[in-house]
């Protein structure tokens, strides 16, 4: 599956703040194996993304074991939702 221009994926789970461009946020997505995505901050205000954030709050509260925002959904679902946000 091709990843869109506004959504980048990194296969490393190590913290790398220097590769997140200004105006973007790194998130970890997955139910079992987590993948790192870099998304525009503007996604945070979209109602579809807000639903994901509510799910994150229910699952993790404010404790995110990956050291960054972790979204507990399938990577395919995440890519599908974020492709609608553009």
N, C-alpha and C. Protein backbone atom coordinates (compact mmCIF):
# COMPACT_ATOMS: atom_id res chain seq x y z
N UNK A 1 0.84 -1.17 0.00
CA UNK A 1 0.00 0.00 0.00
C UNK A 1 0.89 1.23 0.00
N UNK A 2 0.61 2.16 -0.87
CA UNK A 2 1.40 3.39 -0.96
C UNK A 2 1.01 4.32 0.18
N UNK A 3 2.01 4.96 0.76
CA UNK A 3 1.77 5.91 1.83
C UNK A 3 1.79 7.30 1.21
N UNK A 4 0.77 8.11 1.50
CA UNK A 4 0.62 9.42 0.90
C UNK A 4 1.72 10.40 1.22
N UNK A 5 1.73 11.49 0.46
CA UNK A 5 2.75 12.51 0.59
C UNK A 5 2.75 13.15 1.98
N UNK A 6 1.57 13.31 2.59
CA UNK A 6 1.47 13.95 3.90
C UNK A 6 1.64 12.99 5.06
N UNK A 7 1.88 11.73 4.76
CA UNK A 7 2.00 10.72 5.80
C UNK A 7 3.23 9.89 5.53
N UNK A 8 4.17 9.92 6.45
CA UNK A 8 5.40 9.14 6.26
C UNK A 8 5.47 8.08 7.32
N UNK A 9 6.07 6.95 6.96
CA UNK A 9 6.18 5.84 7.91
C UNK A 9 7.65 5.55 8.14
N UNK A 10 7.97 5.26 9.39
CA UNK A 10 9.32 4.87 9.76
C UNK A 10 9.23 3.49 10.41
N UNK A 11 10.12 2.59 10.05
CA UNK A 11 10.08 1.24 10.60
C UNK A 11 10.89 1.10 11.88
N UNK A 12 11.40 2.18 12.40
CA UNK A 12 12.17 2.14 13.63
C UNK A 12 11.33 2.70 14.76
N UNK A 13 11.43 2.09 15.94
CA UNK A 13 10.67 2.60 17.08
C UNK A 13 11.55 3.45 18.00
N UNK A 14 12.78 3.71 17.60
CA UNK A 14 13.62 4.54 18.45
C UNK A 14 13.19 6.00 18.35
N UNK A 15 13.42 6.76 19.40
CA UNK A 15 13.04 8.16 19.43
C UNK A 15 13.98 8.94 18.52
N UNK A 16 13.39 9.69 17.60
CA UNK A 16 14.19 10.50 16.69
C UNK A 16 13.48 11.81 16.46
N UNK A 17 13.67 12.78 17.33
CA UNK A 17 12.97 14.04 17.21
C UNK A 17 13.49 14.88 16.05
N UNK A 18 14.70 14.64 15.60
CA UNK A 18 15.28 15.46 14.55
C UNK A 18 14.73 15.14 13.17
N UNK A 19 13.96 14.06 12.99
CA UNK A 19 13.41 13.76 11.68
C UNK A 19 11.93 14.13 11.57
N UNK A 20 11.40 14.85 12.56
CA UNK A 20 10.01 15.29 12.52
C UNK A 20 10.02 16.76 12.10
N UNK A 21 9.52 17.04 10.90
CA UNK A 21 9.53 18.44 10.42
C UNK A 21 8.63 19.33 11.26
N UNK A 22 8.92 20.60 11.24
CA UNK A 22 8.09 21.58 11.94
C UNK A 22 6.65 21.45 11.44
N UNK A 23 5.71 21.49 12.38
CA UNK A 23 4.30 21.38 12.03
C UNK A 23 3.81 19.95 11.89
N UNK A 24 4.64 18.98 12.34
CA UNK A 24 4.28 17.57 12.26
C UNK A 24 4.46 16.90 13.62
N UNK A 25 3.94 15.69 13.74
CA UNK A 25 3.97 14.93 14.98
C UNK A 25 4.24 13.47 14.66
N UNK A 26 5.09 12.82 15.45
CA UNK A 26 5.32 11.38 15.28
C UNK A 26 4.34 10.63 16.17
N UNK A 27 3.70 9.60 15.61
CA UNK A 27 2.78 8.74 16.36
C UNK A 27 3.14 7.29 16.08
N UNK A 28 2.81 6.41 17.02
CA UNK A 28 3.04 4.98 16.87
C UNK A 28 1.69 4.31 16.70
N UNK A 29 1.56 3.50 15.66
CA UNK A 29 0.27 2.92 15.30
C UNK A 29 0.38 1.41 15.19
N UNK A 30 -0.60 0.71 15.76
CA UNK A 30 -0.65 -0.73 15.61
C UNK A 30 -1.28 -1.37 16.82
N UNK A 31 -1.77 -2.58 16.60
CA UNK A 31 -2.38 -3.33 17.69
C UNK A 31 -1.34 -4.18 18.40
N UNK A 32 -0.47 -4.83 17.65
CA UNK A 32 0.61 -5.63 18.23
C UNK A 32 1.95 -4.99 17.88
N UNK A 33 2.33 -5.09 16.63
CA UNK A 33 3.57 -4.46 16.18
C UNK A 33 3.28 -3.00 15.85
N UNK A 34 4.06 -2.10 16.44
CA UNK A 34 3.85 -0.66 16.25
C UNK A 34 4.75 -0.13 15.14
N UNK A 35 4.18 0.73 14.31
CA UNK A 35 4.92 1.44 13.27
C UNK A 35 4.85 2.93 13.59
N UNK A 36 5.89 3.63 13.25
CA UNK A 36 5.97 5.07 13.52
C UNK A 36 5.55 5.83 12.26
N UNK A 37 4.61 6.76 12.41
CA UNK A 37 4.16 7.62 11.33
C UNK A 37 4.41 9.07 11.72
N UNK A 38 4.69 9.90 10.74
CA UNK A 38 4.83 11.34 10.96
C UNK A 38 3.66 12.00 10.23
N UNK A 39 2.84 12.73 11.00
CA UNK A 39 1.63 13.32 10.45
C UNK A 39 1.62 14.83 10.66
N UNK A 40 0.88 15.57 9.82
CA UNK A 40 0.74 17.01 10.05
C UNK A 40 -0.06 17.28 11.33
N UNK A 41 0.30 18.31 12.06
CA UNK A 41 -0.43 18.67 13.28
C UNK A 41 -1.88 19.02 12.98
N UNK A 42 -2.17 19.47 11.78
CA UNK A 42 -3.55 19.84 11.42
C UNK A 42 -4.51 18.66 11.55
N UNK A 43 -4.00 17.42 11.46
CA UNK A 43 -4.85 16.24 11.60
C UNK A 43 -5.50 16.17 12.99
N UNK A 44 -4.84 16.74 13.99
CA UNK A 44 -5.33 16.64 15.37
C UNK A 44 -6.69 17.29 15.56
N UNK A 45 -7.06 18.24 14.72
CA UNK A 45 -8.33 18.93 14.87
C UNK A 45 -9.46 18.31 14.07
N UNK A 46 -9.18 17.33 13.24
CA UNK A 46 -10.20 16.73 12.40
C UNK A 46 -11.05 15.74 13.22
N UNK A 47 -12.39 15.75 13.02
CA UNK A 47 -13.26 14.86 13.80
C UNK A 47 -12.90 13.37 13.71
N UNK A 48 -12.49 12.88 12.53
CA UNK A 48 -12.10 11.47 12.43
C UNK A 48 -10.88 11.17 13.30
N UNK A 49 -9.93 12.09 13.30
CA UNK A 49 -8.74 11.88 14.12
C UNK A 49 -9.07 12.03 15.59
N UNK A 50 -10.02 12.92 15.91
CA UNK A 50 -10.46 13.09 17.30
C UNK A 50 -11.03 11.79 17.84
N UNK A 51 -11.74 11.03 16.99
CA UNK A 51 -12.26 9.73 17.41
C UNK A 51 -11.14 8.78 17.79
N UNK A 52 -10.07 8.78 16.99
CA UNK A 52 -8.91 7.94 17.32
C UNK A 52 -8.30 8.37 18.64
N UNK A 53 -8.21 9.68 18.87
CA UNK A 53 -7.63 10.18 20.12
C UNK A 53 -8.47 9.78 21.32
N UNK A 54 -9.79 9.74 21.16
CA UNK A 54 -10.66 9.27 22.26
C UNK A 54 -10.36 7.80 22.57
N UNK A 55 -10.15 7.03 21.53
CA UNK A 55 -9.82 5.61 21.71
C UNK A 55 -8.47 5.45 22.42
N UNK A 56 -7.53 6.31 22.06
CA UNK A 56 -6.21 6.30 22.71
C UNK A 56 -6.36 6.60 24.19
N UNK A 57 -7.16 7.61 24.52
CA UNK A 57 -7.35 7.98 25.92
C UNK A 57 -7.97 6.83 26.71
N UNK A 58 -8.95 6.13 26.10
CA UNK A 58 -9.58 5.00 26.78
C UNK A 58 -8.60 3.87 27.04
N UNK A 59 -7.73 3.62 26.06
CA UNK A 59 -6.81 2.48 26.15
C UNK A 59 -5.59 2.78 27.02
N UNK A 60 -4.99 3.96 26.84
CA UNK A 60 -3.71 4.26 27.49
C UNK A 60 -3.77 5.37 28.52
N UNK A 61 -4.83 6.17 28.54
CA UNK A 61 -4.82 7.35 29.40
C UNK A 61 -3.70 8.25 28.94
N UNK A 62 -2.85 8.65 29.86
CA UNK A 62 -1.73 9.49 29.48
C UNK A 62 -0.40 8.74 29.53
N UNK A 63 -0.46 7.44 29.67
CA UNK A 63 0.75 6.61 29.67
C UNK A 63 0.89 5.96 28.29
N UNK A 64 1.94 6.33 27.59
CA UNK A 64 2.19 5.79 26.25
C UNK A 64 3.52 5.04 26.28
N UNK A 65 3.47 3.72 26.25
CA UNK A 65 4.66 2.90 26.44
C UNK A 65 5.75 3.09 25.39
N UNK A 66 5.40 3.61 24.22
CA UNK A 66 6.40 3.80 23.17
C UNK A 66 7.17 5.11 23.35
N UNK A 67 6.77 5.93 24.32
CA UNK A 67 7.45 7.21 24.53
C UNK A 67 6.83 8.33 23.72
N UNK A 68 5.86 8.03 22.89
CA UNK A 68 5.15 9.00 22.08
C UNK A 68 3.70 8.59 22.00
N UNK A 69 2.90 9.36 21.32
CA UNK A 69 1.49 9.05 21.18
C UNK A 69 1.32 7.71 20.47
N UNK A 70 0.64 6.78 21.12
CA UNK A 70 0.40 5.44 20.57
C UNK A 70 -1.08 5.31 20.24
N UNK A 71 -1.37 4.91 19.00
CA UNK A 71 -2.75 4.77 18.54
C UNK A 71 -3.04 3.29 18.32
N UNK A 72 -3.94 2.71 19.13
CA UNK A 72 -4.20 1.27 19.09
C UNK A 72 -5.23 0.87 18.02
N UNK A 73 -4.83 0.99 16.77
CA UNK A 73 -5.70 0.52 15.68
C UNK A 73 -4.79 -0.11 14.63
N UNK A 74 -5.40 -0.79 13.68
CA UNK A 74 -4.58 -1.40 12.63
C UNK A 74 -3.93 -0.30 11.80
N UNK A 75 -2.76 -0.60 11.28
CA UNK A 75 -2.05 0.37 10.46
C UNK A 75 -2.83 0.68 9.19
N UNK A 76 -3.52 -0.33 8.64
CA UNK A 76 -4.33 -0.11 7.44
C UNK A 76 -5.47 0.87 7.73
N UNK A 77 -6.14 0.71 8.87
CA UNK A 77 -7.20 1.62 9.24
C UNK A 77 -6.66 3.04 9.42
N UNK A 78 -5.51 3.17 10.06
CA UNK A 78 -4.90 4.48 10.28
C UNK A 78 -4.59 5.15 8.94
N UNK A 79 -4.01 4.42 8.02
CA UNK A 79 -3.69 4.98 6.70
C UNK A 79 -4.98 5.37 5.97
N UNK A 80 -6.01 4.53 6.09
CA UNK A 80 -7.30 4.83 5.45
C UNK A 80 -7.89 6.12 6.02
N UNK A 81 -7.90 6.25 7.34
CA UNK A 81 -8.47 7.45 7.97
C UNK A 81 -7.67 8.69 7.61
N UNK A 82 -6.36 8.61 7.71
CA UNK A 82 -5.55 9.80 7.44
C UNK A 82 -5.59 10.18 5.96
N UNK A 83 -5.83 9.21 5.07
CA UNK A 83 -5.95 9.56 3.65
C UNK A 83 -7.21 10.40 3.40
N UNK A 84 -8.21 10.28 4.25
CA UNK A 84 -9.44 11.08 4.13
C UNK A 84 -9.26 12.48 4.68
N UNK A 85 -8.20 12.72 5.45
CA UNK A 85 -8.01 14.01 6.10
C UNK A 85 -7.36 15.05 5.19
N UNK A 86 -6.82 14.61 4.11
CA UNK A 86 -6.11 15.54 3.21
C UNK A 86 -7.02 16.46 2.48
